[in-house]
Protein backbone atom coordinates (compact mmCIF):
# COMPACT_ATOMS: atom_id res chain seq x y z
CA MET A 1 -18.75 -18.60 -9.40
CA ALA A 2 -16.52 -20.19 -6.92
CA THR A 3 -13.19 -20.12 -9.08
CA ASN A 4 -14.09 -16.91 -9.99
CA LEU A 5 -14.00 -15.15 -6.84
CA GLN A 6 -10.96 -17.15 -5.61
CA SER A 7 -9.72 -16.18 -9.08
CA LEU A 8 -10.01 -12.29 -8.14
CA ILE A 9 -9.13 -12.32 -4.60
CA ARG A 10 -5.47 -14.16 -6.01
CA LEU A 11 -5.26 -11.18 -8.32
CA GLY A 12 -6.73 -8.57 -5.92
CA LYS A 13 -3.87 -9.52 -3.28
CA TRP A 14 -1.39 -9.66 -6.53
CA HIS A 15 -2.55 -5.89 -7.31
CA LEU A 16 -2.16 -4.93 -3.16
CA ASP A 17 1.53 -6.45 -2.87
CA GLU A 18 2.20 -4.63 -6.12
CA ARG A 19 0.88 -1.13 -4.74
CA ARG A 20 2.72 -1.58 -1.66
CA ARG A 21 5.93 -2.17 -3.31
CA ALA A 22 5.24 0.56 -5.31
CA LEU A 23 4.74 2.82 -2.37
CA ALA A 24 7.51 1.40 -1.06
CA ALA A 25 9.78 2.37 -3.93
CA LEU A 26 8.21 5.85 -3.56
CA HIS A 27 9.03 6.02 0.33
CA GLU A 28 12.60 5.37 -0.67
CA ARG A 29 12.88 8.16 -3.17
CA GLU A 30 11.78 10.29 -0.64
CA ASP A 31 13.96 9.60 2.10
CA GLN A 32 16.92 9.82 -0.61
CA THR A 33 15.73 13.26 -1.77
CA LEU A 34 15.56 14.67 2.00
CA GLU A 35 18.80 13.00 2.70
CA ALA A 36 20.26 15.13 -0.25
CA LEU A 37 18.89 18.11 1.25
CA ARG A 38 20.53 17.49 4.24
CA LEU A 39 23.96 16.97 2.74
CA SER A 40 23.50 19.92 0.51
CA ASP A 41 22.52 21.90 3.83
CA GLU A 42 25.66 20.44 5.60
CA GLU A 43 28.18 21.30 2.32
CA LEU A 44 26.61 24.67 2.61
CA VAL A 45 27.40 24.97 6.41
CA TYR A 46 31.24 23.54 5.40
CA GLU A 47 31.63 25.81 2.49
CA ARG A 48 30.34 28.64 4.09
CA ALA A 49 33.46 28.07 7.13
CA ALA A 50 35.72 27.87 4.30
CA ALA A 51 34.62 31.13 2.74
CA GLU A 52 35.11 33.21 6.09
CA GLY A 53 38.01 31.37 6.92
CA ASP A 54 39.81 32.27 3.46
CA ALA A 55 38.02 35.44 2.11
CA LEU A 56 40.60 35.76 -1.13
CA GLY A 57 40.43 32.21 -1.54
CA ALA A 58 37.60 30.47 -1.25
CA GLY A 59 35.62 33.53 -0.35
CA LEU A 60 35.85 34.46 -3.82
CA ALA A 61 34.46 31.35 -5.35
CA PHE A 62 31.62 31.13 -2.64
CA GLY A 63 29.26 33.39 -4.12
CA GLY A 64 29.55 31.11 -7.47
CA PHE A 65 28.82 27.93 -4.99
CA TYR A 66 25.65 29.53 -3.00
CA GLY A 67 24.01 30.21 -6.13
CA ARG A 68 24.19 26.89 -7.53
CA HIS A 69 23.32 25.22 -3.74
CA LEU A 70 20.20 27.49 -4.43
CA GLU A 71 19.05 26.35 -7.35
CA ARG A 72 19.94 22.35 -6.61
CA ARG A 73 18.10 23.12 -3.52
CA GLU A 74 15.34 23.99 -5.18
CA ALA A 75 15.64 21.57 -7.73
CA LEU A 76 15.28 18.80 -4.87
CA LEU A 77 12.60 20.70 -3.24
CA ARG A 78 10.45 20.47 -6.62
CA GLN A 79 11.12 16.97 -6.72
CA LEU A 80 10.14 16.64 -3.01
CA ASP A 81 6.90 18.04 -3.76
CA ALA A 82 6.53 15.93 -6.86
CA LEU A 83 7.33 12.81 -5.15
CA ARG A 84 4.92 13.52 -2.02
CA ALA A 85 2.20 14.62 -4.82
CA GLU A 86 3.22 10.56 -6.61
CA ILE A 87 2.81 9.20 -2.70
CA GLU A 88 -0.33 10.88 -2.11
CA ILE A 89 -2.08 8.97 -5.19
CA ALA A 90 -0.42 5.44 -4.75
CA ARG A 91 -1.91 5.73 -0.90
CA ASP A 92 -5.26 6.24 -2.59
CA GLU A 93 -4.95 3.35 -5.27
CA LEU A 94 -3.34 1.13 -2.12
CA ALA A 95 -6.20 2.31 -0.19
CA GLU A 96 -9.00 1.32 -3.47
CA THR A 97 -7.20 -2.01 -4.16
CA TYR A 98 -7.55 -3.07 -0.59
CA ARG A 99 -11.55 -1.99 -0.63
CA GLN A 100 -11.70 -4.26 -3.96
CA LEU A 101 -10.32 -7.11 -2.39
CA LYS A 102 -12.22 -6.84 0.62
CA THR A 103 -15.42 -6.90 -1.50
CA TYR A 104 -14.32 -10.00 -3.03
CA GLU A 105 -13.13 -11.68 0.21
CA THR A 106 -16.38 -10.76 1.64
CA ALA A 107 -18.57 -12.32 -1.26
CA GLU A 108 -16.60 -15.22 -1.07
CA ALA A 109 -17.07 -15.50 2.84
CA ASN A 110 -20.71 -14.84 1.86
CA ARG A 111 -21.19 -17.91 -0.68
CA LEU A 112 -19.36 -19.70 2.08
CA ARG A 113 -21.51 -19.19 4.34
CA ARG A 114 -24.75 -20.18 2.29
CA GLU A 115 -23.17 -23.26 0.93
CA ARG A 116 -22.42 -24.05 4.74
CA ALA A 117 -26.13 -23.59 5.63
CA GLU A 118 -27.61 -24.87 2.33
CA ALA A 119 -25.69 -28.54 3.27
CA GLU A 120 -26.78 -28.45 7.36
CA ARG A 121 -30.50 -27.26 6.01
CA ARG A 122 -30.25 -30.43 3.98
CA GLU A 123 -28.70 -32.63 6.41
CA GLN A 124 -31.66 -31.79 8.75
CA ALA A 125 -33.85 -32.52 6.44
CA THR A 126 -32.60 -36.04 6.12
CA LEU A 127 -32.20 -36.42 9.66
CA ASP A 128 -35.95 -35.17 10.23
CA GLU A 129 -37.08 -37.44 7.63
CA ILE A 130 -35.47 -40.30 9.38
CA GLY A 131 -36.73 -39.35 12.63
CA LEU A 132 -40.14 -39.24 10.87
CA GLY A 133 -39.86 -42.73 9.44
CA LEU A 134 -38.93 -44.19 13.08
CA HIS A 135 -41.70 -42.55 14.50
CA ARG A 136 -44.08 -43.64 11.95
CA ARG A 137 -42.58 -47.13 12.44
CA LYS A 138 -43.04 -47.18 16.18
CA GLN A 139 -46.75 -45.84 15.97
CA ARG A 140 -47.32 -48.90 13.18
CA ALA A 141 -46.19 -51.32 15.97
């Protein structure tokens, strides 16, 4: 039983680490998507300024750029929403894995506490027997 619990604890810790790594990767992807949105908005400001400065050259092409910018922004926002949904699921899985690990660790701690109590009880019984034997010898003498 002890080996089984220890194996479950090791496996639980490994699963917990895996879940943490997966969650960290999702957060990294979220940060990258947010950065892409920020860069896209900065590019829009730059292109808008260029279009205002050159109405015949860059200004004519700005409409096409703006349409592609909106499409790209919508795609990034959809991607961000999907990532946040995945992050929420990953957090729930991480919490469940943590609860399972704590259950195993608590069971192991209880088992060890019971074993210690039993060992102490046996030791006390042995000491009581020795003391009783000494007391009987003293009474006979």
